[in-house]
Protein backbone atom coordinates (compact mmCIF):
# COMPACT_ATOMS: atom_id res chain seq x y z
CA MET A 1 2.31 27.97 18.11
CA GLY A 2 0.31 26.99 21.18
CA ALA A 3 1.91 23.58 21.74
CA LEU A 4 4.54 23.07 24.12
CA SER A 5 6.59 19.93 24.75
CA ASN A 6 6.22 18.38 28.41
CA SER A 7 9.64 19.84 29.27
CA GLN A 8 8.61 23.58 28.54
CA LEU A 9 6.66 26.27 30.50
CA ARG A 10 5.15 29.53 29.03
CA ILE A 11 5.90 32.59 31.37
CA ARG A 12 3.84 35.73 31.26
CA LEU A 13 5.63 39.03 32.33
CA ASP A 14 3.80 42.16 33.24
CA LEU A 15 5.75 45.10 33.12
CA ALA A 16 6.05 48.97 32.95
CA TYR A 17 8.66 51.42 31.69
CA ASP A 18 9.58 55.03 31.27
CA GLY A 19 10.47 55.29 27.65
CA THR A 20 12.46 58.36 27.82
CA PHE A 21 15.96 56.78 27.63
CA PHE A 22 15.07 53.63 25.47
CA HIS A 23 14.94 53.30 21.70
CA GLY A 24 11.66 51.73 21.70
CA TRP A 25 10.77 48.03 22.63
CA ALA A 26 12.27 46.27 19.93
CA SER A 27 15.85 44.98 20.01
CA GLN A 28 18.26 47.04 17.86
CA ASP A 29 21.93 46.52 17.41
CA GLY A 30 23.90 49.12 19.38
CA LEU A 31 20.85 50.68 20.96
CA ARG A 32 19.18 50.40 24.35
CA THR A 33 15.74 49.14 24.12
CA VAL A 34 13.20 47.62 26.43
CA GLN A 35 13.24 44.14 24.72
CA GLY A 36 17.07 44.29 24.78
CA VAL A 37 17.70 44.97 28.53
CA LEU A 38 14.79 42.49 29.60
CA THR A 39 16.10 39.75 27.26
CA GLN A 40 19.56 40.12 28.53
CA ALA A 41 18.37 39.94 32.29
CA LEU A 42 16.46 36.96 31.47
CA SER A 43 19.14 35.07 29.60
CA THR A 44 21.70 35.96 32.15
CA ILE A 45 19.44 34.55 35.09
CA LEU A 46 18.09 31.50 33.16
CA ARG A 47 21.54 30.81 31.47
CA ARG A 48 19.87 30.24 28.00
CA PRO A 49 18.54 32.44 25.23
CA VAL A 50 15.21 33.96 25.59
CA ILE A 51 12.66 35.00 22.93
CA LEU A 52 10.08 37.43 23.91
CA THR A 53 6.64 38.03 22.41
CA VAL A 54 5.20 41.35 23.33
CA ALA A 55 1.38 42.71 23.35
CA GLY A 56 2.34 45.90 21.44
CA ARG A 57 5.83 47.05 20.48
CA THR A 58 6.23 50.92 21.22
CA ASP A 59 8.42 53.26 19.62
CA ALA A 60 11.45 55.39 21.03
CA GLY A 61 10.33 57.78 23.86
CA VAL A 62 6.79 56.04 24.40
CA HIS A 63 6.13 54.86 27.91
CA ALA A 64 4.15 51.67 29.35
CA ARG A 65 2.06 51.68 32.57
CA HIS A 66 1.12 48.06 31.75
CA GLN A 67 2.67 46.19 28.83
CA VAL A 68 2.46 42.28 28.56
CA ALA A 69 5.04 39.90 27.32
CA HIS A 70 5.72 36.04 27.20
CA PHE A 71 8.42 33.69 26.55
CA ASP A 72 8.77 29.75 26.63
CA CYS A 73 11.40 28.10 28.93
CA ALA A 74 12.66 24.77 29.77
CA SER A 75 11.28 23.70 33.13
CA ASP A 76 14.21 22.58 34.37
CA ALA A 77 15.99 26.03 33.84
CA PHE A 78 12.88 27.78 35.33
CA GLN A 79 12.70 25.38 38.39
CA SER A 80 16.48 25.97 38.86
CA LEU A 81 15.75 29.22 40.25
CA ILE A 82 14.87 27.60 43.59
CA ARG A 83 17.61 25.38 45.26
CA GLU A 84 16.65 21.77 45.16
CA SER A 85 16.69 21.64 49.00
CA ASP A 86 14.25 24.28 49.26
CA ARG A 87 11.72 23.27 46.42
CA PRO A 88 8.22 22.48 47.34
CA GLU A 89 6.90 19.10 46.33
CA ASP A 90 3.84 20.53 44.88
CA GLU A 91 4.41 21.43 41.19
CA GLU A 92 2.18 24.72 41.33
CA GLU A 93 3.70 25.72 44.52
CA LEU A 94 7.31 25.26 42.94
CA ASN A 95 6.20 27.36 39.85
CA GLN A 96 4.98 30.11 42.05
CA ALA A 97 8.10 30.25 44.05
CA CYS A 98 10.19 30.34 40.79
CA CYS A 99 7.98 33.33 39.61
CA ARG A 100 8.55 35.20 42.88
CA ALA A 101 12.31 34.47 42.36
CA LEU A 102 12.58 35.43 38.69
CA LEU A 103 10.70 38.88 39.58
CA ARG A 104 13.21 39.74 42.17
CA ARG A 105 16.20 38.92 40.22
CA VAL A 106 15.18 40.59 36.91
CA ASN A 107 14.15 43.84 38.62
CA SER A 108 17.58 43.81 40.46
CA LEU A 109 19.38 43.21 37.11
CA LEU A 110 17.23 46.01 35.40
CA GLY A 111 17.89 48.44 38.36
CA ARG A 112 21.64 47.78 38.05
CA GLU A 113 21.59 48.19 34.22
CA TYR A 114 19.58 51.51 34.61
CA ILE A 115 22.19 52.98 36.92
CA GLU A 116 25.15 51.99 34.92
CA HIS A 117 23.53 53.47 31.80
CA MET A 118 22.66 56.76 33.34
CA ALA A 119 26.21 57.16 34.42
CA THR A 120 27.28 56.95 31.04
CA THR A 121 25.27 60.08 30.40
CA GLY A 122 26.65 61.72 33.25
CA ILE A 123 23.39 61.54 35.39
CA LYS A 124 23.53 60.17 38.68
CA VAL A 125 20.29 58.59 39.95
CA PRO A 126 19.27 57.04 43.37
CA ARG A 127 20.03 53.47 44.13
CA GLY A 128 16.85 51.25 43.93
CA THR A 129 15.61 53.29 40.97
CA ALA A 130 14.97 51.85 37.74
CA ASP A 131 13.18 52.81 34.18
CA ALA A 132 11.83 49.25 33.69
CA ARG A 133 10.31 46.98 36.21
CA LEU A 134 8.28 43.74 36.26
CA SER A 135 5.04 43.89 38.48
CA GLU A 136 4.37 40.26 37.99
CA VAL A 137 5.53 36.86 36.55
CA SER A 138 3.12 33.99 36.21
CA VAL A 139 3.15 30.48 34.53
CA VAL A 140 0.39 30.23 31.87
CA SER A 141 -0.94 27.56 29.54
CA ALA A 142 0.30 27.25 25.97
CA ASP A 143 -2.72 28.82 24.62
CA PHE A 144 -1.76 32.24 25.98
CA ASP A 145 -0.12 34.73 23.64
CA ALA A 146 0.73 38.17 24.71
CA ARG A 147 0.05 39.69 21.29
CA PHE A 148 -2.71 37.61 19.76
CA ALA A 149 -4.77 36.74 22.93
CA ALA A 150 -5.07 40.40 23.71
CA LEU A 151 -8.64 41.74 23.24
CA GLU A 152 -7.79 45.45 23.20
CA ARG A 153 -5.02 47.96 24.03
CA SER A 154 -5.78 51.22 25.81
CA TYR A 155 -3.37 54.43 25.40
CA THR A 156 -3.49 57.86 26.76
CA TYR A 157 -1.67 60.69 24.95
CA ARG A 158 -1.05 63.58 27.25
CA LEU A 159 -0.86 67.22 26.04
CA VAL A 160 -0.99 70.71 27.45
CA PRO A 161 -1.41 74.17 25.77
CA GLU A 162 1.71 76.34 25.59
CA GLY A 163 2.83 77.91 28.95
CA GLN A 164 0.97 75.24 31.17
CA LEU A 165 3.35 72.43 31.10
CA PRO A 166 4.22 71.51 34.77
CA LEU A 167 7.98 71.09 34.69
CA ALA A 168 7.95 67.71 36.39
CA ARG A 169 5.79 66.46 33.56
CA ARG A 170 8.20 67.36 30.80
CA TRP A 171 9.06 63.72 29.94
CA ASP A 172 5.43 62.48 29.34
CA VAL A 173 3.54 65.53 28.31
CA TYR A 174 3.62 67.38 25.04
CA GLU A 175 3.21 71.12 25.14
CA VAL A 176 1.40 72.25 22.29
CA ALA A 177 2.29 75.93 20.97
CA GLN A 178 -1.21 77.09 20.56
CA PRO A 179 -4.49 77.05 22.73
CA LEU A 180 -6.68 74.06 22.00
CA ASP A 181 -10.51 73.62 21.47
CA ILE A 182 -11.19 70.41 23.23
CA GLU A 183 -14.76 70.26 22.08
CA ALA A 184 -13.72 70.74 18.35
CA MET A 185 -11.08 67.91 18.86
CA ASN A 186 -13.94 65.80 20.32
CA ARG A 187 -16.41 66.27 17.61
CA ALA A 188 -13.65 65.59 15.04
CA ALA A 189 -12.89 62.38 16.72
CA GLN A 190 -16.58 60.85 16.65
CA PRO A 191 -16.54 59.81 12.79
CA LEU A 192 -13.32 57.95 13.51
CA LEU A 193 -14.85 55.47 15.98
CA GLY A 194 -15.78 51.94 14.68
CA GLU A 195 -13.97 49.68 12.20
CA HIS A 196 -12.14 51.32 9.42
CA GLU A 197 -9.26 51.27 6.97
CA PHE A 198 -6.75 53.36 8.93
CA LEU A 199 -4.17 53.67 6.13
CA ALA A 200 -4.06 57.46 6.43
CA PHE A 201 -3.28 57.12 10.03
CA CYS A 202 -0.74 54.24 9.86
CA ARG A 203 2.56 53.34 8.51
CA PRO A 204 1.85 50.19 6.68
CA ARG A 205 3.97 46.98 7.00
CA GLU A 206 4.11 44.47 4.00
CA GLY A 207 1.60 41.47 4.33
CA ALA A 208 -0.40 43.18 7.24
CA THR A 209 -3.93 44.96 7.25
CA THR A 210 -4.60 48.42 8.41
CA ILE A 211 -7.99 47.77 9.24
CA ARG A 212 -8.78 48.36 12.99
CA GLU A 213 -11.71 48.81 15.39
CA LEU A 214 -11.38 52.07 17.03
CA ARG A 215 -13.42 51.63 20.29
CA GLU A 216 -12.54 54.92 22.07
CA LEU A 217 -11.19 58.31 20.98
CA ARG A 218 -11.81 61.36 23.30
CA ILE A 219 -10.11 64.31 24.97
CA VAL A 220 -10.68 65.13 28.72
CA PRO A 221 -8.98 67.14 31.48
CA GLU A 222 -6.36 65.08 33.57
CA GLY A 223 -8.06 66.31 36.81
CA GLY A 224 -6.29 67.86 39.77
CA GLY A 225 -6.03 71.51 38.19
CA THR A 226 -2.78 70.49 36.33
CA GLY A 227 -3.98 71.95 32.88
CA VAL A 228 -2.97 68.73 31.29
CA LEU A 229 -5.28 67.11 28.77
CA GLU A 230 -5.66 63.15 28.21
CA CYS A 231 -6.49 61.86 24.86
CA HIS A 232 -7.86 58.25 25.72
CA VAL A 233 -7.46 55.82 22.71
CA ARG A 234 -8.55 52.23 22.73
CA ALA A 235 -8.77 49.68 19.80
CA ASP A 236 -8.56 45.92 19.39
CA ALA A 237 -5.25 46.64 18.10
CA PHE A 238 -3.06 49.44 16.33
CA CYS A 239 -1.09 49.83 13.23
CA HIS A 240 2.45 51.39 13.24
CA SER A 241 2.06 55.06 14.53
CA MET A 242 -1.78 54.89 14.47
CA VAL A 243 -2.19 56.42 18.05
CA ARG A 244 0.08 59.58 17.49
CA SER A 245 -1.30 59.87 14.03
CA LEU A 246 -4.86 60.05 15.41
CA VAL A 247 -3.66 62.52 18.00
CA GLY A 248 -1.81 64.61 15.50
CA ALA A 249 -4.84 65.03 13.45
CA LEU A 250 -6.92 66.03 16.46
CA ILE A 251 -4.17 68.43 17.43
CA GLU A 252 -4.43 70.14 14.02
CA VAL A 253 -8.13 70.67 14.51
CA GLY A 254 -7.64 71.89 18.20
CA ARG A 255 -5.30 74.43 17.16
CA GLY A 256 -7.57 75.69 14.26
CA ALA A 257 -5.31 74.75 11.62
CA ARG A 258 -7.66 72.22 9.96
CA GLU A 259 -11.46 71.96 10.08
CA GLU A 260 -13.39 69.53 12.04
CA GLY A 261 -14.32 67.45 9.24
CA TRP A 262 -10.71 66.95 8.10
CA PRO A 263 -9.74 63.70 10.24
CA ALA A 264 -12.84 61.96 8.59
CA GLN A 265 -11.81 63.17 5.03
CA LEU A 266 -8.32 61.57 5.73
CA LEU A 267 -10.00 58.33 6.86
CA GLU A 268 -12.37 58.13 3.91
CA LYS A 269 -9.51 58.88 1.39
CA ALA A 270 -7.56 55.94 2.84
CA SER A 271 -4.23 57.25 1.18
CA ARG A 272 -0.54 57.72 2.43
CA GLN A 273 -0.36 60.73 -0.15
CA GLU A 274 -2.38 62.90 2.39
CA ALA A 275 -1.48 61.34 5.81
CA ALA A 276 -2.03 62.62 9.41
CA PRO A 277 0.96 64.35 11.12
CA ILE A 278 2.39 62.26 13.84
CA ALA A 279 2.47 63.67 17.41
CA PRO A 280 5.76 63.50 19.30
CA ALA A 281 6.45 60.12 21.07
CA HIS A 282 6.98 61.14 24.61
CA GLY A 283 3.33 62.14 25.45
CA LEU A 284 2.17 58.65 24.71
CA THR A 285 1.74 55.91 27.30
CA LEU A 286 0.42 52.42 26.87
CA GLU A 287 -1.93 52.08 29.85
CA SER A 288 -3.25 48.51 29.50
CA VAL A 289 -3.68 45.22 27.62
CA SER A 290 -6.88 43.28 28.20
CA TYR A 291 -7.53 39.55 27.66
CA PRO A 292 -10.29 37.14 27.76
CA ASP A 293 -10.78 34.44 30.37
CA GLU A 294 -8.32 31.61 30.08
CA ALA A 295 -10.82 29.05 28.29
CA GLU A 296 -11.13 31.62 25.62
CA TRP A 297 -7.43 32.28 24.86
CA SER A 298 -6.87 29.88 22.00
CA ASP A 299 -10.12 30.95 20.21
CA GLN A 300 -8.99 34.67 20.64
CA VAL A 301 -5.55 33.80 19.12
CA HIS A 302 -6.90 32.12 16.05
CA ARG A 303 -9.44 34.86 15.58
CA ALA A 304 -6.90 37.81 15.82
CA ARG A 305 -4.41 36.00 13.51
CA ARG A 306 -7.16 35.50 10.93
CA MET A 307 -8.49 38.94 11.07
CA ARG A 308 -4.90 40.54 10.75
CA GLY A 309 -3.78 38.14 7.93
CA PHE A 310 -1.34 36.04 9.65
CA ALA A 311 -0.98 32.33 9.30
CA PHE A 312 2.01 30.91 11.08
CA ASP A 313 4.44 28.99 9.52
CA GLY A 314 7.92 30.31 10.62
CA SER A 315 10.19 30.38 13.40
CA PRO A 316 9.60 31.59 16.84
CA GLU A 317 11.54 34.71 16.10
CA GLU A 318 9.22 35.35 13.29
CA TRP A 319 6.19 34.80 15.41
CA ALA A 320 7.30 37.00 18.20
CA MET A 321 8.58 40.05 16.02
CA GLY A 322 6.39 39.67 12.79
CA GLY A 323 3.35 42.00 12.00
CA ASN A 324 2.11 45.36 12.58
CA CYS A 325 1.26 46.31 16.16
CA CYS A 326 3.40 49.19 16.90
CA ALA A 327 1.10 51.91 18.07
CA GLY A 328 3.79 54.57 18.88
């Protein structure tokens, strides 16, 4: 997948979104999704179809503070963003100018789409606001892959015991109906760390492994006296619904419905017959995606694909959409 023709460029997009009014990342007919509105904006501006590959697909209601995607684009279409009379002679300077132009124009369209969508719900929002926004656009080498070049993903699940929910946070914090024992939750989390078969915490997809390396799982107070708790979850990659299932199991322990050893028992059984409960989507935020240095992109892509059981021999659409990386 790495090779590009001389007439193509690979474009990296760094973005954030509030998942409240999106039906997740992935395009779905008749539904508003992050991929759908972003693809529409890009295709409108570049005047040709765009296929996005994303670091991690998120479910409906899940937010992203820092998401990463990429697409391939004909260089003439990309460079047409700058009028010929204004184009720098230096190729790198030209591409940087095009990146800035694309960022401005995409964010403008995303803001317009958001206002129009909210109007259909009867909610009037201020001009200049949006629920999805690009933070950076850059030209990268063909070795970069937003999904498979990633070293790890970090999520935060925010929750609060009953009666302590700040009203302004109702869209990104889950209110649990009982008090929570944070120490018990953290003790229950410890045996889940490391590389394991996470079948009991995943919705498996055909042909994809559910073995993952969980590098962090801990509950801490948010700080600032809000009463909100943060569950920090970090791994090389996540299976479908894995983060919310891990949090759901810890909530059961925290509210006293299950013993501290129950999540570890689920892990050991590795069965969907007794799966962990899934916490609600709105409390989850994708915080960051990390990548190695550029010189290591190619090796990381091949290593990740080999570990997760993928060997590419299909279309760009299958490459972009295939697999098992929806943590929400």
